[in-house]
């Protein structure tokens, strides 16, 4: 449990990945998770053969001695860093290149909540300076939801499409993708939705009356279908290796 609410992450060292697991009662926050990992290492974990010291800049240093040296180089000072980024499609991927060339319009659809109904006569609505006190006050009874869809003519670049996909990955939840999404209309009239590029799977679990699900219980559930969840990620890693054969992985990535 982190910062007052349960948060669940599946750490997969084999592929240098961290998968966020989101339930209705939990939350995810990559930045706070990074801070939590860093703080845990700096403040709670003891590194054998090292001592800790906070320098003038406020960074925690791990200090150890190299017995093979006798001068100042014998003292080794290191700082722990942990960083992760959202795993996303590469801009040189053929799928983005093709989509950029064939996109004619962008569609944005979302669900908005109306908390006020204007019941004034039409002549008062036309007079915008009339106080809104003449309209009904918001309450649960008159709270309404509307589904809106905006379509604009555009031909985004691969980089712009990538940014849209990454933005949508933060906004769209699996349960709401039917009403909140961004689509790219192609020359043939088809629509490629942004969430189709997102690696997501649904997990159904019985909480057995517990407010917080134990980590070993969640992992046992994941282990039953581990290949199902990881195969799309493995395929994407293989695709990236073909696109950028000389690139190395230096940071954890969040799927």
C-alpha atoms as a PDB file:
ATOM      1  CA  UNK A   1       0.000   0.000   0.000  1.00  0.00           C
ATOM      2  CA  UNK A   2       1.409   3.391  -1.008  1.00  0.00           C
ATOM      3  CA  UNK A   3       0.292   6.949  -0.101  1.00  0.00           C
ATOM      4  CA  UNK A   4      -2.971   5.842   1.543  1.00  0.00           C
ATOM      5  CA  UNK A   5      -4.504   3.831  -1.313  1.00  0.00           C
ATOM      6  CA  UNK A   6      -3.655   0.335  -2.558  1.00  0.00           C
ATOM      7  CA  UNK A   7      -1.506   0.277  -5.686  1.00  0.00           C
ATOM      8  CA  UNK A   8      -0.540  -2.874  -7.537  1.00  0.00           C
ATOM      9  CA  UNK A   9       2.423  -3.345  -9.867  1.00  0.00           C
ATOM     10  CA  UNK A  10       3.731  -6.454 -11.577  1.00  0.00           C
ATOM     11  CA  UNK A  11       7.528  -6.184 -11.832  1.00  0.00           C
ATOM     12  CA  UNK A  12       8.960  -8.346 -14.634  1.00  0.00           C
ATOM     13  CA  UNK A  13      12.807  -8.223 -14.476  1.00  0.00           C
ATOM     14  CA  UNK A  14      13.187 -10.652 -17.370  1.00  0.00           C
ATOM     15  CA  UNK A  15      11.847  -8.031 -19.803  1.00  0.00           C
ATOM     16  CA  UNK A  16      12.757  -4.918 -17.809  1.00  0.00           C
ATOM     17  CA  UNK A  17       9.061  -4.088 -17.471  1.00  0.00           C
ATOM     18  CA  UNK A  18       6.613  -2.950 -14.810  1.00  0.00           C
ATOM     19  CA  UNK A  19       2.915  -3.533 -15.461  1.00  0.00           C
ATOM     20  CA  UNK A  20       0.362  -1.388 -13.636  1.00  0.00           C
ATOM     21  CA  UNK A  21      -2.674  -3.257 -12.309  1.00  0.00           C
ATOM     22  CA  UNK A  22      -5.717  -1.064 -11.725  1.00  0.00           C
ATOM     23  CA  UNK A  23      -8.873  -1.980  -9.817  1.00  0.00           C
ATOM     24  CA  UNK A  24     -11.830   0.219  -8.902  1.00  0.00           C
ATOM     25  CA  UNK A  25     -10.540   0.603  -5.347  1.00  0.00           C
ATOM     26  CA  UNK A  26      -6.902   1.264  -6.281  1.00  0.00           C
ATOM     27  CA  UNK A  27      -4.852   3.786  -8.206  1.00  0.00           C
ATOM     28  CA  UNK A  28      -1.636   3.978 -10.195  1.00  0.00           C
ATOM     29  CA  UNK A  29       0.933   6.764 -10.351  1.00  0.00           C
ATOM     30  CA  UNK A  30       4.235   6.130 -12.089  1.00  0.00           C
ATOM     31  CA  UNK A  31       6.017   9.181 -10.666  1.00  0.00           C
ATOM     32  CA  UNK A  32       5.079   8.418  -7.069  1.00  0.00           C
ATOM     33  CA  UNK A  33       5.984   4.764  -7.592  1.00  0.00           C
ATOM     34  CA  UNK A  34       9.458   5.816  -8.754  1.00  0.00           C
ATOM     35  CA  UNK A  35       9.833   8.012  -5.667  1.00  0.00           C
ATOM     36  CA  UNK A  36       8.695   5.146  -3.436  1.00  0.00           C
ATOM     37  CA  UNK A  37      11.260   2.737  -4.892  1.00  0.00           C
ATOM     38  CA  UNK A  38      14.050   5.309  -4.597  1.00  0.00           C
ATOM     39  CA  UNK A  39      13.094   6.203  -1.013  1.00  0.00           C
ATOM     40  CA  UNK A  40      12.916   2.536  -0.044  1.00  0.00           C
ATOM     41  CA  UNK A  41      16.445   1.892  -1.297  1.00  0.00           C
ATOM     42  CA  UNK A  42      17.848   5.089   0.209  1.00  0.00           C
ATOM     43  CA  UNK A  43      16.172   4.836   3.594  1.00  0.00           C
ATOM     44  CA  UNK A  44      15.361   1.215   4.331  1.00  0.00           C
ATOM     45  CA  UNK A  45      17.634  -1.136   2.411  1.00  0.00           C
ATOM     46  CA  UNK A  46      21.129  -1.805   3.664  1.00  0.00           C
ATOM     47  CA  UNK A  47      23.776  -2.384   0.995  1.00  0.00           C
ATOM     48  CA  UNK A  48      26.444  -4.853   2.208  1.00  0.00           C
ATOM     49  CA  UNK A  49      29.874  -3.253   2.456  1.00  0.00           C
ATOM     50  CA  UNK A  50      28.507   0.279   2.062  1.00  0.00           C
ATOM     51  CA  UNK A  51      27.594   3.154   4.328  1.00  0.00           C
ATOM     52  CA  UNK A  52      25.103   5.912   3.579  1.00  0.00           C
ATOM     53  CA  UNK A  53      25.653   9.641   3.705  1.00  0.00           C
ATOM     54  CA  UNK A  54      23.503  12.570   2.582  1.00  0.00           C
ATOM     55  CA  UNK A  55      25.565  15.115   0.643  1.00  0.00           C
ATOM     56  CA  UNK A  56      25.127  18.896   0.572  1.00  0.00           C
ATOM     57  CA  UNK A  57      22.666  18.638  -2.322  1.00  0.00           C
ATOM     58  CA  UNK A  58      20.381  16.313  -0.385  1.00  0.00           C
ATOM     59  CA  UNK A  59      21.272  13.160  -2.309  1.00  0.00           C
ATOM     60  CA  UNK A  60      21.886   9.905  -0.471  1.00  0.00           C
ATOM     61  CA  UNK A  61      25.305   8.488  -1.345  1.00  0.00           C
ATOM     62  CA  UNK A  62      26.395   4.890  -0.921  1.00  0.00           C
ATOM     63  CA  UNK A  63      30.052   4.891   0.113  1.00  0.00           C
ATOM     64  CA  UNK A  64      32.325   1.874  -0.008  1.00  0.00           C
ATOM     65  CA  UNK A  65      36.068   1.273  -0.237  1.00  0.00           C
ATOM     66  CA  UNK A  66      37.985  -0.410  -3.009  1.00  0.00           C
ATOM     67  CA  UNK A  67      40.613  -2.426  -1.105  1.00  0.00           C
ATOM     68  CA  UNK A  68      42.749  -2.761  -4.230  1.00  0.00           C
ATOM     69  CA  UNK A  69      43.547   0.977  -4.149  1.00  0.00           C
ATOM     70  CA  UNK A  70      45.265   3.093  -1.496  1.00  0.00           C
ATOM     71  CA  UNK A  71      44.699   6.673  -2.733  1.00  0.00           C
ATOM     72  CA  UNK A  72      41.582   8.847  -2.903  1.00  0.00           C
ATOM     73  CA  UNK A  73      40.179   6.620  -5.667  1.00  0.00           C
ATOM     74  CA  UNK A  74      39.755   3.935  -3.036  1.00  0.00           C
ATOM     75  CA  UNK A  75      36.546   5.647  -1.898  1.00  0.00           C
ATOM     76  CA  UNK A  76      33.656   4.885  -4.240  1.00  0.00           C
ATOM     77  CA  UNK A  77      30.528   7.029  -4.006  1.00  0.00           C
ATOM     78  CA  UNK A  78      27.372   6.059  -5.864  1.00  0.00           C
ATOM     79  CA  UNK A  79      23.798   7.363  -6.003  1.00  0.00           C
ATOM     80  CA  UNK A  80      20.808   5.116  -6.665  1.00  0.00           C
ATOM     81  CA  UNK A  81      18.508   6.192  -9.485  1.00  0.00           C
ATOM     82  CA  UNK A  82      15.296   4.544 -10.647  1.00  0.00           C
ATOM     83  CA  UNK A  83      13.359   5.709 -13.679  1.00  0.00           C
ATOM     84  CA  UNK A  84      10.645   4.276 -15.871  1.00  0.00           C
ATOM     85  CA  UNK A  85       8.661   5.445 -18.872  1.00  0.00           C
ATOM     86  CA  UNK A  86       5.470   4.356 -20.576  1.00  0.00           C
ATOM     87  CA  UNK A  87       6.171   1.707 -23.163  1.00  0.00           C
ATOM     88  CA  UNK A  88       4.879   2.964 -26.483  1.00  0.00           C
ATOM     89  CA  UNK A  89       5.146   2.317 -30.174  1.00  0.00           C
ATOM     90  CA  UNK A  90       8.223   3.715 -31.943  1.00  0.00           C
ATOM     91  CA  UNK A  91       7.755   6.547 -34.440  1.00  0.00           C
ATOM     92  CA  UNK A  92       9.678   4.624 -37.105  1.00  0.00           C
ATOM     93  CA  UNK A  93       7.264   1.704 -36.791  1.00  0.00           C
ATOM     94  CA  UNK A  94       5.652   0.929 -40.162  1.00  0.00           C
ATOM     95  CA  UNK A  95       2.196   1.011 -38.548  1.00  0.00           C
ATOM     96  CA  UNK A  96       2.585   4.662 -37.560  1.00  0.00           C
ATOM     97  CA  UNK A  97       4.130   5.609 -40.876  1.00  0.00           C
ATOM     98  CA  UNK A  98       1.248   4.036 -42.798  1.00  0.00           C
ATOM     99  CA  UNK A  99      -1.394   5.492 -40.486  1.00  0.00           C
ATOM    100  CA  UNK A 100       0.082   8.978 -40.869  1.00  0.00           C
ATOM    101  CA  UNK A 101      -0.012   8.749 -44.652  1.00  0.00           C
ATOM    102  CA  UNK A 102      -3.600   7.506 -44.755  1.00  0.00           C
ATOM    103  CA  UNK A 103      -5.270   9.577 -42.026  1.00  0.00           C
ATOM    104  CA  UNK A 104      -7.748  12.217 -43.259  1.00  0.00           C
ATOM    105  CA  UNK A 105      -9.595  13.092 -40.035  1.00  0.00           C
ATOM    106  CA  UNK A 106      -9.255  12.700 -36.272  1.00  0.00           C
ATOM    107  CA  UNK A 107     -12.231  11.802 -34.096  1.00  0.00           C
ATOM    108  CA  UNK A 108     -12.405  12.587 -30.393  1.00  0.00           C
ATOM    109  CA  UNK A 109     -15.253  11.070 -28.423  1.00  0.00           C
ATOM    110  CA  UNK A 110     -15.874  11.424 -24.727  1.00  0.00           C
ATOM    111  CA  UNK A 111     -18.578  11.463 -22.112  1.00  0.00           C
ATOM    112  CA  UNK A 112     -19.290  14.710 -20.294  1.00  0.00           C
ATOM    113  CA  UNK A 113     -21.402  15.331 -17.230  1.00  0.00           C
ATOM    114  CA  UNK A 114     -23.979  18.113 -17.121  1.00  0.00           C
ATOM    115  CA  UNK A 115     -24.761  19.319 -13.631  1.00  0.00           C
ATOM    116  CA  UNK A 116     -27.156  22.094 -14.541  1.00  0.00           C
ATOM    117  CA  UNK A 117     -30.269  22.327 -16.679  1.00  0.00           C
ATOM    118  CA  UNK A 118     -31.264  25.740 -17.967  1.00  0.00           C
ATOM    119  CA  UNK A 119     -35.039  25.853 -17.602  1.00  0.00           C
ATOM    120  CA  UNK A 120     -35.407  29.571 -18.266  1.00  0.00           C
ATOM    121  CA  UNK A 121     -37.686  30.795 -21.025  1.00  0.00           C
ATOM    122  CA  UNK A 122     -36.033  31.093 -24.408  1.00  0.00           C
ATOM    123  CA  UNK A 123     -36.025  34.909 -24.334  1.00  0.00           C
ATOM    124  CA  UNK A 124     -34.000  34.829 -21.109  1.00  0.00           C
ATOM    125  CA  UNK A 125     -31.495  32.360 -22.547  1.00  0.00           C
ATOM    126  CA  UNK A 126     -30.833  34.815 -25.345  1.00  0.00           C
ATOM    127  CA  UNK A 127     -30.036  37.504 -22.816  1.00  0.00           C
ATOM    128  CA  UNK A 128     -26.767  36.118 -21.517  1.00  0.00           C
ATOM    129  CA  UNK A 129     -26.445  38.797 -18.853  1.00  0.00           C
ATOM    130  CA  UNK A 130     -29.461  37.559 -16.898  1.00  0.00           C
ATOM    131  CA  UNK A 131     -28.222  35.871 -13.688  1.00  0.00           C
ATOM    132  CA  UNK A 132     -28.077  32.100 -13.773  1.00  0.00           C
ATOM    133  CA  UNK A 133     -30.003  32.096 -10.489  1.00  0.00           C
ATOM    134  CA  UNK A 134     -33.126  31.764 -12.647  1.00  0.00           C
ATOM    135  CA  UNK A 135     -32.022  28.274 -13.712  1.00  0.00           C
ATOM    136  CA  UNK A 136     -32.340  25.101 -11.663  1.00  0.00           C
ATOM    137  CA  UNK A 137     -29.582  24.291  -9.189  1.00  0.00           C
ATOM    138  CA  UNK A 138     -27.469  21.168  -9.850  1.00  0.00           C
ATOM    139  CA  UNK A 139     -28.493  18.049  -7.994  1.00  0.00           C
ATOM    140  CA  UNK A 140     -28.428  14.280  -8.439  1.00  0.00           C
ATOM    141  CA  UNK A 141     -31.846  14.350 -10.062  1.00  0.00           C
ATOM    142  CA  UNK A 142     -30.984  16.722 -12.892  1.00  0.00           C
ATOM    143  CA  UNK A 143     -27.397  15.488 -13.368  1.00  0.00           C
ATOM    144  CA  UNK A 144     -27.089  14.243 -16.927  1.00  0.00           C
ATOM    145  CA  UNK A 145     -24.397  12.670 -19.071  1.00  0.00           C
ATOM    146  CA  UNK A 146     -23.894  13.393 -22.715  1.00  0.00           C
ATOM    147  CA  UNK A 147     -21.731  11.588 -25.236  1.00  0.00           C
ATOM    148  CA  UNK A 148     -20.023  13.970 -27.635  1.00  0.00           C
ATOM    149  CA  UNK A 149     -17.983  13.309 -30.748  1.00  0.00           C
ATOM    150  CA  UNK A 150     -15.774  15.821 -32.518  1.00  0.00           C
ATOM    151  CA  UNK A 151     -14.386  15.213 -35.984  1.00  0.00           C
ATOM    152  CA  UNK A 152     -11.721  17.425 -37.518  1.00  0.00           C
ATOM    153  CA  UNK A 153      -9.806  17.255 -40.774  1.00  0.00           C
ATOM    154  CA  UNK A 154      -6.154  16.506 -40.133  1.00  0.00           C
ATOM    155  CA  UNK A 155      -3.154  14.506 -41.287  1.00  0.00           C
ATOM    156  CA  UNK A 156      -0.934  14.078 -38.201  1.00  0.00           C
ATOM    157  CA  UNK A 157       2.723  13.125 -38.392  1.00  0.00           C
ATOM    158  CA  UNK A 158       3.951   9.826 -36.887  1.00  0.00           C
ATOM    159  CA  UNK A 159       5.316  11.792 -33.906  1.00  0.00           C
ATOM    160  CA  UNK A 160       1.930  13.473 -33.342  1.00  0.00           C
ATOM    161  CA  UNK A 161       0.120  10.136 -33.568  1.00  0.00           C
ATOM    162  CA  UNK A 162       2.557   8.681 -31.036  1.00  0.00           C
ATOM    163  CA  UNK A 163       1.880  11.589 -28.641  1.00  0.00           C
ATOM    164  CA  UNK A 164      -1.884  11.122 -29.002  1.00  0.00           C
ATOM    165  CA  UNK A 165      -1.591   7.402 -28.275  1.00  0.00           C
ATOM    166  CA  UNK A 166       0.523   8.046 -25.169  1.00  0.00           C
ATOM    167  CA  UNK A 167      -1.885  10.723 -23.939  1.00  0.00           C
ATOM    168  CA  UNK A 168      -4.840   8.400 -24.406  1.00  0.00           C
ATOM    169  CA  UNK A 169      -3.078   5.643 -22.499  1.00  0.00           C
ATOM    170  CA  UNK A 170      -3.221   7.892 -19.429  1.00  0.00           C
ATOM    171  CA  UNK A 171      -6.813   9.047 -19.915  1.00  0.00           C
ATOM    172  CA  UNK A 172      -8.682   5.986 -21.143  1.00  0.00           C
ATOM    173  CA  UNK A 173      -9.603   3.209 -18.741  1.00  0.00           C
ATOM    174  CA  UNK A 174     -10.502  -0.273 -20.054  1.00  0.00           C
ATOM    175  CA  UNK A 175     -14.091   0.150 -18.836  1.00  0.00           C
ATOM    176  CA  UNK A 176     -14.576   3.543 -20.485  1.00  0.00           C
ATOM    177  CA  UNK A 177     -12.923   3.029 -23.870  1.00  0.00           C
ATOM    178  CA  UNK A 178     -16.347   2.693 -25.548  1.00  0.00           C
ATOM    179  CA  UNK A 179     -17.160   6.322 -24.699  1.00  0.00           C
ATOM    180  CA  UNK A 180     -13.706   7.956 -24.382  1.00  0.00           C
ATOM    181  CA  UNK A 181     -11.254   7.504 -27.222  1.00  0.00           C
ATOM    182  CA  UNK A 182      -9.457   9.094 -30.158  1.00  0.00           C
ATOM    183  CA  UNK A 183      -9.721   7.650 -33.639  1.00  0.00           C
ATOM    184  CA  UNK A 184      -7.869   8.171 -36.909  1.00  0.00           C
ATOM    185  CA  UNK A 185     -10.149   8.075 -39.965  1.00  0.00           C
ATOM    186  CA  UNK A 186      -8.349   6.644 -42.986  1.00  0.00           C
ATOM    187  CA  UNK A 187      -8.803   7.298 -46.695  1.00  0.00           C
ATOM    188  CA  UNK A 188     -10.768   4.068 -46.989  1.00  0.00           C
ATOM    189  CA  UNK A 189     -13.233   5.240 -44.366  1.00  0.00           C
ATOM    190  CA  UNK A 190     -12.062   2.936 -41.580  1.00  0.00           C
ATOM    191  CA  UNK A 191     -11.175   4.090 -38.065  1.00  0.00           C
ATOM    192  CA  UNK A 192      -8.075   3.107 -36.147  1.00  0.00           C
ATOM    193  CA  UNK A 193      -8.650   3.791 -32.439  1.00  0.00           C
ATOM    194  CA  UNK A 194      -5.752   4.944 -30.253  1.00  0.00           C
ATOM    195  CA  UNK A 195      -6.400   2.359 -27.536  1.00  0.00           C
ATOM    196  CA  UNK A 196      -5.742  -0.441 -30.043  1.00  0.00           C
ATOM    197  CA  UNK A 197      -2.029   0.363 -29.644  1.00  0.00           C
ATOM    198  CA  UNK A 198      -2.240   0.000 -25.858  1.00  0.00           C
ATOM    199  CA  UNK A 199      -1.229  -3.238 -24.178  1.00  0.00           C
ATOM    200  CA  UNK A 200      -4.070  -4.008 -21.779  1.00  0.00           C
ATOM    201  CA  UNK A 201      -5.719  -7.098 -20.394  1.00  0.00           C
ATOM    202  CA  UNK A 202      -8.673  -7.510 -18.041  1.00  0.00           C
ATOM    203  CA  UNK A 203      -8.324  -9.469 -14.809  1.00  0.00           C
ATOM    204  CA  UNK A 204     -11.366 -10.615 -12.846  1.00  0.00           C
ATOM    205  CA  UNK A 205     -10.839 -11.410  -9.179  1.00  0.00           C
ATOM    206  CA  UNK A 206     -12.974 -11.986  -6.118  1.00  0.00           C
ATOM    207  CA  UNK A 207     -11.776  -9.717  -3.309  1.00  0.00           C
ATOM    208  CA  UNK A 208     -13.201 -12.156  -0.730  1.00  0.00           C
ATOM    209  CA  UNK A 209     -14.265  -9.212   1.379  1.00  0.00           C
ATOM    210  CA  UNK A 210     -10.756  -7.744   1.664  1.00  0.00           C
ATOM    211  CA  UNK A 211     -10.240  -4.014   1.107  1.00  0.00           C
ATOM    212  CA  UNK A 212      -6.688  -4.667  -0.072  1.00  0.00           C
ATOM    213  CA  UNK A 213      -5.769  -7.677  -2.206  1.00  0.00           C
ATOM    214  CA  UNK A 214      -2.626  -9.487  -1.018  1.00  0.00           C
ATOM    215  CA  UNK A 215       0.251  -9.398  -3.500  1.00  0.00           C
ATOM    216  CA  UNK A 216       0.707 -13.180  -3.501  1.00  0.00           C
ATOM    217  CA  UNK A 217      -2.979 -13.667  -4.354  1.00  0.00           C
ATOM    218  CA  UNK A 218      -2.750 -11.323  -7.342  1.00  0.00           C
ATOM    219  CA  UNK A 219       0.490 -12.904  -8.548  1.00  0.00           C
ATOM    220  CA  UNK A 220      -1.033 -16.386  -8.314  1.00  0.00           C
ATOM    221  CA  UNK A 221      -3.823 -15.147 -10.587  1.00  0.00           C
ATOM    222  CA  UNK A 222      -1.355 -13.641 -13.054  1.00  0.00           C
ATOM    223  CA  UNK A 223       0.799 -16.778 -13.073  1.00  0.00           C
ATOM    224  CA  UNK A 224      -2.140 -18.863 -14.319  1.00  0.00           C
ATOM    225  CA  UNK A 225      -2.152 -16.960 -17.632  1.00  0.00           C
ATOM    226  CA  UNK A 226       1.336 -15.481 -17.629  1.00  0.00           C
ATOM    227  CA  UNK A 227       1.996 -16.288 -21.277  1.00  0.00           C
ATOM    228  CA  UNK A 228      -1.292 -14.712 -22.348  1.00  0.00           C
ATOM    229  CA  UNK A 229      -0.323 -11.409 -20.723  1.00  0.00           C
ATOM    230  CA  UNK A 230       3.334 -11.420 -21.764  1.00  0.00           C
ATOM    231  CA  UNK A 231       3.201 -12.739 -25.349  1.00  0.00           C
ATOM    232  CA  UNK A 232       2.023  -9.387 -26.851  1.00  0.00           C
ATOM    233  CA  UNK A 233       4.813  -7.616 -24.965  1.00  0.00           C
ATOM    234  CA  UNK A 234       7.416 -10.140 -26.130  1.00  0.00           C
ATOM    235  CA  UNK A 235       6.218  -9.685 -29.716  1.00  0.00           C
ATOM    236  CA  UNK A 236       6.504  -5.895 -29.405  1.00  0.00           C
ATOM    237  CA  UNK A 237      10.028  -6.178 -27.975  1.00  0.00           C
ATOM    238  CA  UNK A 238      11.005  -8.378 -30.917  1.00  0.00           C
ATOM    239  CA  UNK A 239       9.526  -5.835 -33.340  1.00  0.00           C
ATOM    240  CA  UNK A 240      11.510  -3.026 -31.682  1.00  0.00           C
ATOM    241  CA  UNK A 241      14.696  -5.089 -31.883  1.00  0.00           C
ATOM    242  CA  UNK A 242      14.268  -5.261 -35.659  1.00  0.00           C
ATOM    243  CA  UNK A 243      13.639  -1.505 -35.924  1.00  0.00           C
ATOM    244  CA  UNK A 244      16.534  -0.506 -33.641  1.00  0.00           C
ATOM    245  CA  UNK A 245      18.960  -3.457 -33.511  1.00  0.00           C
ATOM    246  CA  UNK A 246      21.756  -1.476 -31.802  1.00  0.00           C
ATOM    247  CA  UNK A 247      19.651   0.063 -29.017  1.00  0.00           C
ATOM    248  CA  UNK A 248      20.053  -1.094 -25.442  1.00  0.00           C
ATOM    249  CA  UNK A 249      17.575  -0.928 -22.592  1.00  0.00           C
ATOM    250  CA  UNK A 250      18.735   1.237 -19.712  1.00  0.00           C
ATOM    251  CA  UNK A 251      15.548   1.998 -17.818  1.00  0.00           C
ATOM    252  CA  UNK A 252      12.462   0.194 -16.631  1.00  0.00           C
ATOM    253  CA  UNK A 253       9.394   0.605 -18.804  1.00  0.00           C
ATOM    254  CA  UNK A 254       5.773   0.616 -17.686  1.00  0.00           C
ATOM    255  CA  UNK A 255       3.313  -1.322 -19.819  1.00  0.00           C
END
